[in-house]
Structure formats: C-alpha cells, structure tokens
Amino acid sequence: MASALGLLVIGIIAVAVVCIAIKIIVALLPVGLAVGVVGILGLAFCDNTCATQSEPVKTHVEKIDKYVEDVKDAAEDVGNKINEYVEDVQDAIEEIDEFDEIDAIKDKIEQKTGNIQQKYHQQIRSMTRQKPDVNLEDILPELDSAISVVVWAYCVASGDENFKPLVTSANDYEGHSAKSAHYSGAAVDFRIKDMGSLADRKELVALIREELGDRFTVLHEDIGKANEHLHVQLRSGTYDKTVAFNKQETTVF
C-alpha cells in the first residue's frame, strides 16, 4: 500500500515540476521577444541620433531585467513550496508505514490469541468423553468456559475429581430442530441419567445453572427417558442463529 502511494506521489510531483517549467517558459517568453524586438529596432533605426534616444531604451531594458528577476523569484518560491509538499508527503508515507506496522502487530496478537484459545479448547475437550461422531471442534469459543463449569460440577456430584462427563451432542446430530443452537455451535449436551437419583440430578442441574448465570441457558431434558441429558447453550440473542459455526468455514442458512 505504501509503495503504491509512493509511486502516486512521485507521479504527482513529476507533473507539478513539468507544469512549473512550462509556466516559467511562458513567463520568460515575452521577455525574450521583448529583448529581440529591442535589438532589431536598435539595428534598424540606430543612427547618429541613437545617443539621444539611448535613455528610453536603457529604461526599458532595466524594466525587462526587473521583470526577469521577479519571474526568477516566483519560480524559486514555487520550487520551495514543491519541496515543502514533498516533505509533507514523505511524512504521510512514514505515518502509513507506521500504521502497517501496527496492523502487523495486531495480526500477530490475533494469531497468538487464536493459538492460546485453541490450546485451551483442546484442554477442555480432554476433560470430557464424547460419544462417537460428536463434533466438539466446531463449537463457539464461549462454550469452553461453560464446559469447564459442567466438568467441575460433575466432579463435585460424583465425588471424583477426575470424573469426565460424557458429551452426547455438540455441533453435529441432525435430529435437532431446524433452529437448534447446536447447528450454530452454541450448545452442548451431557449425559446425566447415571448421576444418582432424580433429586440428585435436579440438584446437579440447579448447581450448574447457578454457576453459569444469565449468559447461558441450562435445561434438564427428556427426564426419565433413555436420552435424559443436560442441555447447555448460549442464551438466545447472544449468538447468530443464522450461521452454522465452523472454524474453517461459516455457512449462512
């Protein structure tokens, strides 16, 4: 970007210099013509009376000399202004280079942030078990913090600090409703049927709901059925329901 701007500036300066040269030539042209006319008139009409007519001619030549000096001064002034303009442009280019450096720094920060986020996601994933074909890769990053809370609550409920909850669905199963948060990578389901009595399971759900707060919706679904599960998702309105989240590609419905 800076190099393209530099070429543009050089072109502008070249055009400006040519225009100034043309203006100086046009300005000096009357001077040359006037001097030529004076010379021709002097050769054609100068005789014994030239001595008496020399004063007007001398005065005219002095005026021409002054005019030439004025033109030179004007040209020098224009040249100085061009130099000032070039310096201003160079300063602007340097500022643009600084912005490019800032953009490069931002890119590095985003890259490092992405790497840290990915490492954190892998760590969270390792704290759970997943049913076959469950896709935990393409969930929104915000869900990682919710999963960590769920893992902690399951460990407390089971009395086993190494307990790993079973993820039964994430951004995968096609049996969800058309507008399900699962398709946007905004929801995760956990098996809960084997977490004690119904009262214990309800207490576990209440603990998780309290810990996650208003940012997430926590539901205890299909109670008493084989598919009884804990559903955790980002609260409606905090994510885009029209986009199927994927780290490599996003698909708009």
Protein backbone atom coordinates (compact mmCIF):
# COMPACT_ATOMS: atom_id res chain seq x y z
CA MET A 1 0.00 0.00 0.00
CA ALA A 2 2.81 2.43 0.96
CA SER A 3 4.78 1.65 -2.21
CA ALA A 4 1.70 2.29 -4.36
CA LEU A 5 1.14 5.61 -2.62
CA GLY A 6 4.82 6.46 -3.13
CA LEU A 7 4.54 5.87 -6.88
CA LEU A 8 1.42 8.05 -6.97
CA VAL A 9 3.24 10.85 -5.12
CA ILE A 10 6.23 10.66 -7.49
CA GLY A 11 3.86 10.94 -10.45
CA ILE A 12 2.13 13.96 -8.93
CA ILE A 13 5.47 15.66 -8.25
CA ALA A 14 6.68 14.99 -11.81
CA VAL A 15 3.53 16.53 -13.26
CA ALA A 16 3.89 19.53 -10.93
CA VAL A 17 7.53 20.09 -11.99
CA VAL A 18 6.60 19.92 -15.69
CA CYS A 19 3.77 22.40 -15.13
CA ILE A 20 6.13 24.78 -13.33
CA ALA A 21 8.70 24.52 -16.13
CA ILE A 22 6.02 25.34 -18.69
CA LYS A 23 4.85 28.32 -16.62
CA ILE A 24 8.43 29.64 -16.35
CA ILE A 25 8.97 29.26 -20.12
CA VAL A 26 5.68 31.02 -20.85
CA ALA A 27 6.59 33.73 -18.35
CA LEU A 28 10.04 34.29 -19.90
CA LEU A 29 8.78 34.15 -23.49
CA PRO A 30 7.57 37.78 -23.51
CA VAL A 31 10.93 38.79 -22.07
CA GLY A 32 12.79 37.07 -24.91
CA LEU A 33 10.51 38.54 -27.50
CA ALA A 34 10.86 41.99 -25.99
CA VAL A 35 14.65 41.76 -25.97
CA GLY A 36 14.62 40.57 -29.58
CA VAL A 37 12.37 43.39 -30.67
CA VAL A 38 14.56 45.91 -28.90
CA GLY A 39 17.64 44.50 -30.63
CA ILE A 40 16.05 44.57 -34.07
CA LEU A 41 14.75 48.08 -33.60
CA GLY A 42 18.16 49.16 -32.43
CA LEU A 43 19.88 47.73 -35.52
CA ALA A 44 17.24 49.08 -37.93
CA PHE A 45 16.87 52.58 -36.68
CA CYS A 46 20.03 53.39 -34.82
CA ASP A 47 21.85 56.33 -36.47
CA ASN A 48 23.59 59.44 -35.35
CA THR A 49 20.57 60.21 -33.13
CA CYS A 50 20.99 56.92 -31.12
CA ALA A 51 22.89 58.74 -28.46
CA THR A 52 19.92 61.00 -27.81
CA GLN A 53 17.47 58.01 -27.75
CA SER A 54 19.58 55.68 -25.54
CA GLU A 55 17.94 56.72 -22.29
CA PRO A 56 14.39 55.36 -23.09
CA VAL A 57 15.91 52.12 -24.37
CA LYS A 58 18.04 51.78 -21.24
CA THR A 59 15.00 52.36 -19.07
CA HIS A 60 13.06 49.69 -20.98
CA VAL A 61 15.92 47.19 -20.58
CA GLU A 62 16.04 47.84 -16.84
CA LYS A 63 12.32 47.14 -16.61
CA ILE A 64 12.85 43.90 -18.51
CA ASP A 65 15.69 42.92 -16.15
CA LYS A 66 13.46 43.58 -13.17
CA TYR A 67 10.69 41.51 -14.74
CA VAL A 68 13.14 38.64 -15.25
CA GLU A 69 14.23 38.86 -11.62
CA ASP A 70 10.61 38.81 -10.49
CA VAL A 71 9.97 35.69 -12.60
CA LYS A 72 13.06 34.02 -11.13
CA ASP A 73 11.91 34.85 -7.60
CA ALA A 74 8.44 33.48 -8.32
CA ALA A 75 9.94 30.27 -9.75
CA GLU A 76 12.16 29.88 -6.69
CA ASP A 77 9.15 30.40 -4.41
CA VAL A 78 7.18 27.71 -6.30
CA GLY A 79 10.16 25.37 -6.05
CA ASN A 80 10.31 25.89 -2.29
CA LYS A 81 6.60 25.13 -2.00
CA ILE A 82 7.08 21.93 -4.01
CA ASN A 83 9.87 20.87 -1.65
CA GLU A 84 7.61 21.52 1.34
CA TYR A 85 4.85 19.49 -0.31
CA VAL A 86 7.26 16.60 -0.97
CA GLU A 87 8.33 16.65 2.68
CA ASP A 88 4.70 16.56 3.80
CA VAL A 89 4.03 13.59 1.52
CA GLN A 90 7.10 11.78 2.82
CA ASP A 91 5.88 12.35 6.38
CA ALA A 92 2.48 10.95 5.39
CA ILE A 93 4.13 7.87 3.87
CA GLU A 94 6.10 7.32 7.07
CA GLU A 95 2.86 7.53 9.06
CA ILE A 96 1.28 4.97 6.71
CA ASP A 97 4.28 2.69 7.26
CA GLU A 98 3.69 3.04 11.00
CA PHE A 99 0.05 2.01 10.51
CA ASP A 100 1.23 -1.02 8.51
CA GLU A 101 3.47 -1.96 11.42
CA ILE A 102 0.52 -1.60 13.80
CA ASP A 103 -1.58 -3.86 11.55
CA ALA A 104 1.24 -6.42 11.55
CA ILE A 105 1.37 -6.30 15.35
CA LYS A 106 -2.41 -6.74 15.52
CA ASP A 107 -2.17 -9.78 13.23
CA LYS A 108 0.49 -11.31 15.48
CA ILE A 109 -1.65 -10.67 18.56
CA GLU A 110 -4.70 -12.26 16.90
CA GLN A 111 -2.60 -15.23 15.83
CA LYS A 112 -1.21 -15.74 19.33
CA THR A 113 -4.70 -15.29 20.82
CA GLY A 114 -6.07 -17.88 18.41
CA ASN A 115 -3.29 -20.31 19.33
CA ILE A 116 -3.94 -19.84 23.05
CA GLN A 117 -7.68 -20.26 22.52
CA GLN A 118 -7.14 -23.46 20.53
CA LYS A 119 -4.87 -24.89 23.24
CA TYR A 120 -7.48 -24.06 25.86
CA HIS A 121 -10.18 -25.72 23.77
CA GLN A 122 -8.11 -28.89 23.44
CA GLN A 123 -7.54 -28.90 27.18
CA ILE A 124 -11.28 -28.53 27.86
CA ARG A 125 -12.06 -31.28 25.35
CA SER A 126 -9.63 -33.62 27.12
CA MET A 127 -11.64 -33.15 30.33
CA THR A 128 -14.70 -34.83 28.74
CA ARG A 129 -15.64 -38.02 26.97
CA GLN A 130 -17.52 -37.91 23.66
CA LYS A 131 -19.91 -40.31 22.02
CA PRO A 132 -18.87 -41.45 18.51
CA ASP A 133 -19.40 -38.78 15.81
CA VAL A 134 -19.76 -35.98 18.36
CA ASN A 135 -18.16 -32.80 16.97
CA LEU A 136 -16.65 -30.63 19.69
CA GLU A 137 -14.25 -28.89 17.33
CA ASP A 138 -16.80 -26.57 15.76
CA ILE A 139 -18.37 -25.04 18.84
CA LEU A 140 -18.23 -21.37 19.75
CA PRO A 141 -15.25 -20.47 21.96
CA GLU A 142 -17.57 -19.10 24.66
CA LEU A 143 -18.83 -22.63 25.34
CA ASP A 144 -15.42 -23.77 26.57
CA SER A 145 -15.89 -21.85 29.83
CA ALA A 146 -19.35 -23.40 30.28
CA ILE A 147 -17.95 -26.91 29.72
CA SER A 148 -15.30 -26.31 32.37
CA VAL A 149 -18.04 -25.41 34.89
CA VAL A 150 -20.06 -28.51 33.94
CA VAL A 151 -16.98 -30.72 34.40
CA TRP A 152 -16.35 -29.18 37.82
CA ALA A 153 -19.99 -29.72 38.90
CA TYR A 154 -19.96 -33.36 37.73
CA CYS A 155 -16.73 -33.94 39.69
CA VAL A 156 -18.35 -32.47 42.81
CA ALA A 157 -21.52 -34.54 42.34
CA SER A 158 -19.64 -37.77 41.69
CA GLY A 159 -17.05 -37.21 44.40
CA ASP A 160 -14.37 -37.98 41.82
CA GLU A 161 -12.06 -35.08 40.87
CA ASN A 162 -11.04 -36.93 37.69
CA PHE A 163 -14.60 -37.60 36.53
CA LYS A 164 -15.15 -36.90 32.82
CA PRO A 165 -18.76 -36.18 31.75
CA LEU A 166 -19.97 -37.78 28.54
CA VAL A 167 -20.81 -35.31 25.74
CA THR A 168 -23.70 -36.76 23.77
CA SER A 169 -24.14 -33.94 21.24
CA ALA A 170 -22.50 -30.70 20.16
CA ASN A 171 -22.30 -29.27 16.62
CA ASP A 172 -23.36 -32.46 14.91
CA TYR A 173 -26.57 -34.50 15.30
CA GLU A 174 -29.10 -33.85 12.51
CA GLY A 175 -32.06 -34.79 14.67
CA HIS A 176 -32.23 -31.39 16.34
CA SER A 177 -34.90 -28.86 15.39
CA ALA A 178 -34.19 -26.61 12.41
CA LYS A 179 -33.24 -23.60 14.53
CA SER A 180 -31.37 -25.55 17.19
CA ALA A 181 -28.43 -23.85 18.85
CA HIS A 182 -26.43 -27.00 18.11
CA TYR A 183 -26.25 -26.08 14.41
CA SER A 184 -24.72 -22.72 15.33
CA GLY A 185 -22.13 -24.34 17.57
CA ALA A 186 -23.79 -22.70 20.57
CA ALA A 187 -24.96 -25.78 22.55
CA VAL A 188 -23.59 -28.94 24.16
CA ASP A 189 -25.47 -31.90 25.67
CA PHE A 190 -24.18 -34.10 28.52
CA ARG A 191 -25.41 -37.47 29.73
CA ILE A 192 -26.93 -37.09 33.19
CA LYS A 193 -29.11 -40.17 33.63
CA ASP A 194 -26.40 -42.04 35.58
CA MET A 195 -25.69 -39.17 38.01
CA GLY A 196 -27.63 -40.54 41.01
CA SER A 197 -31.31 -40.23 41.81
CA LEU A 198 -33.68 -37.82 40.10
CA ALA A 199 -33.37 -35.49 43.08
CA ASP A 200 -29.57 -35.64 42.80
CA ARG A 201 -29.74 -34.92 39.09
CA LYS A 202 -32.03 -31.94 39.59
CA GLU A 203 -29.70 -30.64 42.28
CA LEU A 204 -26.77 -31.02 39.86
CA VAL A 205 -28.64 -29.08 37.16
CA ALA A 206 -29.50 -26.32 39.66
CA LEU A 207 -25.83 -26.05 40.71
CA ILE A 208 -24.67 -25.70 37.11
CA ARG A 209 -27.40 -23.16 36.31
CA GLU A 210 -26.40 -21.07 39.31
CA GLU A 211 -22.70 -21.16 38.44
CA LEU A 212 -23.18 -20.28 34.77
CA GLY A 213 -25.50 -17.36 35.46
CA ASP A 214 -27.55 -15.42 32.90
CA ARG A 215 -25.14 -15.85 29.99
CA PHE A 216 -26.17 -19.48 29.45
CA THR A 217 -29.41 -21.43 29.30
CA VAL A 218 -29.31 -24.71 31.25
CA LEU A 219 -32.06 -27.28 30.65
CA HIS A 220 -32.77 -30.75 32.06
CA GLU A 221 -34.34 -32.52 29.06
CA ASP A 222 -36.02 -35.90 28.39
CA ILE A 223 -36.22 -36.64 32.13
CA GLY A 224 -36.75 -40.33 32.86
CA LYS A 225 -36.06 -41.36 29.26
CA ALA A 226 -33.05 -43.20 27.89
CA ASN A 227 -31.89 -39.96 26.30
CA GLU A 228 -32.16 -37.89 29.50
CA HIS A 229 -29.50 -35.20 29.27
CA LEU A 230 -28.23 -31.82 30.40
CA HIS A 231 -28.50 -29.14 27.70
CA VAL A 232 -26.20 -26.10 27.98
CA GLN A 233 -26.28 -23.31 25.42
CA LEU A 234 -25.53 -19.64 24.98
CA ARG A 235 -28.60 -17.60 25.82
CA SER A 236 -30.75 -16.63 22.84
CA GLY A 237 -29.73 -13.29 21.39
CA THR A 238 -26.04 -13.67 22.27
CA TYR A 239 -25.14 -15.57 19.09
CA ASP A 240 -26.16 -15.61 15.42
CA LYS A 241 -28.76 -18.31 14.83
CA THR A 242 -28.50 -17.96 11.04
CA VAL A 243 -24.86 -19.07 10.88
CA ALA A 244 -23.54 -22.60 11.22
CA PHE A 245 -20.28 -22.09 13.09
CA ASN A 246 -17.14 -23.74 11.75
CA LYS A 247 -13.52 -22.77 12.41
CA GLN A 248 -12.61 -23.23 8.76
CA GLU A 249 -15.84 -22.06 7.12
CA THR A 250 -19.12 -20.45 8.10
CA THR A 251 -22.33 -21.34 6.31
CA VAL A 252 -25.30 -18.95 6.26
CA PHE A 253 -28.69 -20.63 6.20
